[in-house]
Structures are given as C-alpha cells and as structure tokens.
Amino acid sequence: MQLPNKAERLRIYTGESDTVGGRPLHEIIVEEARRAGLAGATVLRGVAGFGANSRVHTTKILRLSEDLPMITEIVDASDKIDAFLPKLDGLIKEGMVVREDVRVLLYRHNDTP
C-alpha cells in the first residue's frame, strides 16, 4: 500500500473503560480502521489525563487508575479519513477526535518472514 506524502492524522481520545457491546472501544476502532482499508492504527495508553468532565485519571491513585486515557492514532489520505469519520461518529459516545495535516516521510514494511 502506498501512502501519500501529504496525509492526515486522526487522533481519537477515549477512556480505557469505554466499551461497545462489552468490548474495548479502542480495539473496535482498530478493527474498523483495518476493515476500512486504512494504512494503520496505533493505540497508546496514557499515564494521566482528564477530559470534558475534568476528573483526573492517573496511575498514581488506585481508584482512578481504572479508566486511563487511550489515544488511537490513524494516518492516511484525507479522502480515506473522510470516509471513516461517520463510522467513528457511531462508535464514540464520550471522548474527543482531532484531525491534523502530517507529512509522511516513510511508510514501509518487510515482507521477509
């Protein structure tokens, strides 16, 4: 798969405890991105953060460490991101989605087993 030099990054902020149908939301987003033929997705787990409700979630406080921030990043061409957004809108009940222009310098994989 080729990825254009000028692309976009979709960054999706959710919580670790966010689910859809009993499954982690970030896993579903990755599966849907793959099904949509997007170039790739990466999920990052935060150590601290807060969102629209201003409640801090951190690994330092045991009772608040159950819903740590999750960031799912997807990079692809603008038109493919456009096509994916309606799917995201149907999945995300709480969180934030941002989109920004990026320059892709390398996008490679090794076919050797």
C-alpha atoms as a PDB file:
ATOM      1  CA  MET A   1       0.000   0.000   0.000  1.00  0.00           C
ATOM      2  CA  GLN A   2       1.235   3.465  -0.860  1.00  0.00           C
ATOM      3  CA  LEU A   3       0.640   6.410   1.440  1.00  0.00           C
ATOM      4  CA  PRO A   4       0.771   9.969   0.069  1.00  0.00           C
ATOM      5  CA  ASN A   5       3.429  12.342   1.366  1.00  0.00           C
ATOM      6  CA  LYS A   6       0.698  14.757   2.428  1.00  0.00           C
ATOM      7  CA  ALA A   7      -1.688  12.875   4.683  1.00  0.00           C
ATOM      8  CA  GLU A   8      -3.756  13.392   7.818  1.00  0.00           C
ATOM      9  CA  ARG A   9      -3.554  12.041  11.335  1.00  0.00           C
ATOM     10  CA  LEU A  10      -6.749  11.215  13.143  1.00  0.00           C
ATOM     11  CA  ARG A  11      -6.255  11.152  16.900  1.00  0.00           C
ATOM     12  CA  ILE A  12      -9.053   9.664  18.974  1.00  0.00           C
ATOM     13  CA  TYR A  13      -9.097  10.261  22.729  1.00  0.00           C
ATOM     14  CA  THR A  14     -11.169   7.794  24.737  1.00  0.00           C
ATOM     15  CA  GLY A  15     -11.050   6.102  28.126  1.00  0.00           C
ATOM     16  CA  GLU A  16      -9.756   2.646  28.906  1.00  0.00           C
ATOM     17  CA  SER A  17     -13.142   1.598  30.256  1.00  0.00           C
ATOM     18  CA  ASP A  18     -15.094   2.775  27.167  1.00  0.00           C
ATOM     19  CA  THR A  19     -16.799  -0.175  25.527  1.00  0.00           C
ATOM     20  CA  VAL A  20     -19.165  -1.039  22.705  1.00  0.00           C
ATOM     21  CA  GLY A  21     -21.110  -4.249  23.120  1.00  0.00           C
ATOM     22  CA  GLY A  22     -18.899  -5.229  26.057  1.00  0.00           C
ATOM     23  CA  ARG A  23     -15.663  -4.908  24.040  1.00  0.00           C
ATOM     24  CA  PRO A  24     -12.992  -2.203  24.476  1.00  0.00           C
ATOM     25  CA  LEU A  25     -13.724   0.748  22.198  1.00  0.00           C
ATOM     26  CA  HIS A  26     -10.098   1.184  21.134  1.00  0.00           C
ATOM     27  CA  GLU A  27      -9.998  -2.411  19.868  1.00  0.00           C
ATOM     28  CA  ILE A  28     -13.161  -1.895  17.852  1.00  0.00           C
ATOM     29  CA  ILE A  29     -11.771   1.320  16.328  1.00  0.00           C
ATOM     30  CA  VAL A  30      -8.606  -0.521  15.239  1.00  0.00           C
ATOM     31  CA  GLU A  31     -10.643  -3.370  13.732  1.00  0.00           C
ATOM     32  CA  GLU A  32     -12.914  -0.945  11.877  1.00  0.00           C
ATOM     33  CA  ALA A  33      -9.904   1.015  10.575  1.00  0.00           C
ATOM     34  CA  ARG A  34      -8.405  -2.200   9.232  1.00  0.00           C
ATOM     35  CA  ARG A  35     -11.717  -3.236   7.690  1.00  0.00           C
ATOM     36  CA  ALA A  36     -11.927   0.207   6.027  1.00  0.00           C
ATOM     37  CA  GLY A  37      -8.509  -0.339   4.443  1.00  0.00           C
ATOM     38  CA  LEU A  38      -6.753   2.456   6.304  1.00  0.00           C
ATOM     39  CA  ALA A  39      -2.955   2.449   6.322  1.00  0.00           C
ATOM     40  CA  GLY A  40      -2.620   1.599  10.007  1.00  0.00           C
ATOM     41  CA  ALA A  41      -3.648   2.376  13.560  1.00  0.00           C
ATOM     42  CA  THR A  42      -1.799   2.588  16.852  1.00  0.00           C
ATOM     43  CA  VAL A  43      -3.241   2.676  20.370  1.00  0.00           C
ATOM     44  CA  LEU A  44      -1.367   4.451  23.162  1.00  0.00           C
ATOM     45  CA  ARG A  45      -2.241   4.163  26.859  1.00  0.00           C
ATOM     46  CA  GLY A  46      -1.805   7.332  28.872  1.00  0.00           C
ATOM     47  CA  VAL A  47      -0.492   7.520  32.414  1.00  0.00           C
ATOM     48  CA  ALA A  48      -2.622  10.535  33.353  1.00  0.00           C
ATOM     49  CA  GLY A  49      -5.231  12.830  31.892  1.00  0.00           C
ATOM     50  CA  PHE A  50      -8.637  14.438  32.169  1.00  0.00           C
ATOM     51  CA  GLY A  51     -11.396  15.204  29.727  1.00  0.00           C
ATOM     52  CA  ALA A  52     -14.606  17.180  29.439  1.00  0.00           C
ATOM     53  CA  ASN A  53     -15.755  16.179  32.943  1.00  0.00           C
ATOM     54  CA  SER A  54     -12.429  17.460  34.435  1.00  0.00           C
ATOM     55  CA  ARG A  55     -11.977  14.280  36.517  1.00  0.00           C
ATOM     56  CA  VAL A  56      -8.278  13.355  36.638  1.00  0.00           C
ATOM     57  CA  HIS A  57      -7.378   9.756  35.823  1.00  0.00           C
ATOM     58  CA  THR A  58      -3.898   8.658  36.832  1.00  0.00           C
ATOM     59  CA  THR A  59      -1.910   5.542  37.664  1.00  0.00           C
ATOM     60  CA  LYS A  60      -0.921   7.158  40.977  1.00  0.00           C
ATOM     61  CA  ILE A  61      -4.366   6.957  42.540  1.00  0.00           C
ATOM     62  CA  LEU A  62      -5.617   3.383  42.630  1.00  0.00           C
ATOM     63  CA  ARG A  63      -9.336   4.075  42.400  1.00  0.00           C
ATOM     64  CA  LEU A  64      -8.875   6.460  39.441  1.00  0.00           C
ATOM     65  CA  SER A  65      -6.474   4.192  37.549  1.00  0.00           C
ATOM     66  CA  GLU A  66      -9.305   2.077  36.152  1.00  0.00           C
ATOM     67  CA  ASP A  67     -10.146   4.472  33.310  1.00  0.00           C
ATOM     68  CA  LEU A  68      -6.830   5.689  31.969  1.00  0.00           C
ATOM     69  CA  PRO A  69      -6.669   7.744  28.767  1.00  0.00           C
ATOM     70  CA  MET A  70      -6.409   5.857  25.481  1.00  0.00           C
ATOM     71  CA  ILE A  71      -5.250   7.523  22.260  1.00  0.00           C
ATOM     72  CA  THR A  72      -5.842   5.806  18.944  1.00  0.00           C
ATOM     73  CA  GLU A  73      -3.939   7.283  16.008  1.00  0.00           C
ATOM     74  CA  ILE A  74      -4.642   6.662  12.343  1.00  0.00           C
ATOM     75  CA  VAL A  75      -2.696   8.181   9.439  1.00  0.00           C
ATOM     76  CA  ASP A  76      -3.950   8.062   5.872  1.00  0.00           C
ATOM     77  CA  ALA A  77      -5.048  10.161   2.905  1.00  0.00           C
ATOM     78  CA  SER A  78      -7.649  12.846   3.552  1.00  0.00           C
ATOM     79  CA  ASP A  79     -10.366  11.132   1.492  1.00  0.00           C
ATOM     80  CA  LYS A  80      -9.953   7.857   3.401  1.00  0.00           C
ATOM     81  CA  ILE A  81     -10.154   9.713   6.725  1.00  0.00           C
ATOM     82  CA  ASP A  82     -13.312  11.476   5.457  1.00  0.00           C
ATOM     83  CA  ALA A  83     -14.905   8.127   4.656  1.00  0.00           C
ATOM     84  CA  PHE A  84     -14.026   6.713   8.103  1.00  0.00           C
ATOM     85  CA  LEU A  85     -15.432   9.566  10.206  1.00  0.00           C
ATOM     86  CA  PRO A  86     -19.120   8.509  10.024  1.00  0.00           C
ATOM     87  CA  LYS A  87     -18.167   5.085  11.406  1.00  0.00           C
ATOM     88  CA  LEU A  88     -16.335   6.759  14.291  1.00  0.00           C
ATOM     89  CA  ASP A  89     -19.263   9.035  14.992  1.00  0.00           C
ATOM     90  CA  GLY A  90     -21.450   5.997  15.546  1.00  0.00           C
ATOM     91  CA  LEU A  91     -18.973   4.405  17.967  1.00  0.00           C
ATOM     92  CA  ILE A  92     -17.822   7.243  20.210  1.00  0.00           C
ATOM     93  CA  LYS A  93     -20.208   8.329  22.940  1.00  0.00           C
ATOM     94  CA  GLU A  94     -17.628  10.199  25.042  1.00  0.00           C
ATOM     95  CA  GLY A  95     -14.191  11.495  24.111  1.00  0.00           C
ATOM     96  CA  MET A  96     -12.565  13.729  21.522  1.00  0.00           C
ATOM     97  CA  VAL A  97     -11.459  13.307  17.914  1.00  0.00           C
ATOM     98  CA  VAL A  98      -8.924  15.635  16.293  1.00  0.00           C
ATOM     99  CA  ARG A  99      -7.537  15.751  12.793  1.00  0.00           C
ATOM    100  CA  GLU A 100      -4.333  17.352  11.546  1.00  0.00           C
ATOM    101  CA  ASP A 101      -2.181  17.532   8.451  1.00  0.00           C
ATOM    102  CA  VAL A 102       1.024  15.483   8.527  1.00  0.00           C
ATOM    103  CA  ARG A 103       3.905  14.736   6.161  1.00  0.00           C
ATOM    104  CA  VAL A 104       4.629  11.058   5.746  1.00  0.00           C
ATOM    105  CA  LEU A 105       8.379  10.550   5.440  1.00  0.00           C
ATOM    106  CA  LEU A 106       8.450   6.740   5.495  1.00  0.00           C
ATOM    107  CA  TYR A 107       5.836   4.026   5.328  1.00  0.00           C
ATOM    108  CA  ARG A 108       7.439   0.616   4.881  1.00  0.00           C
ATOM    109  CA  HIS A 109       7.078  -2.998   5.833  1.00  0.00           C
ATOM    110  CA  ASN A 110       9.306  -6.011   5.469  1.00  0.00           C
ATOM    111  CA  ASP A 111       7.879  -8.951   3.507  1.00  0.00           C
ATOM    112  CA  THR A 112      10.533 -11.337   4.790  1.00  0.00           C
ATOM    113  CA  PRO A 113       9.069 -13.973   7.178  1.00  0.00           C
END
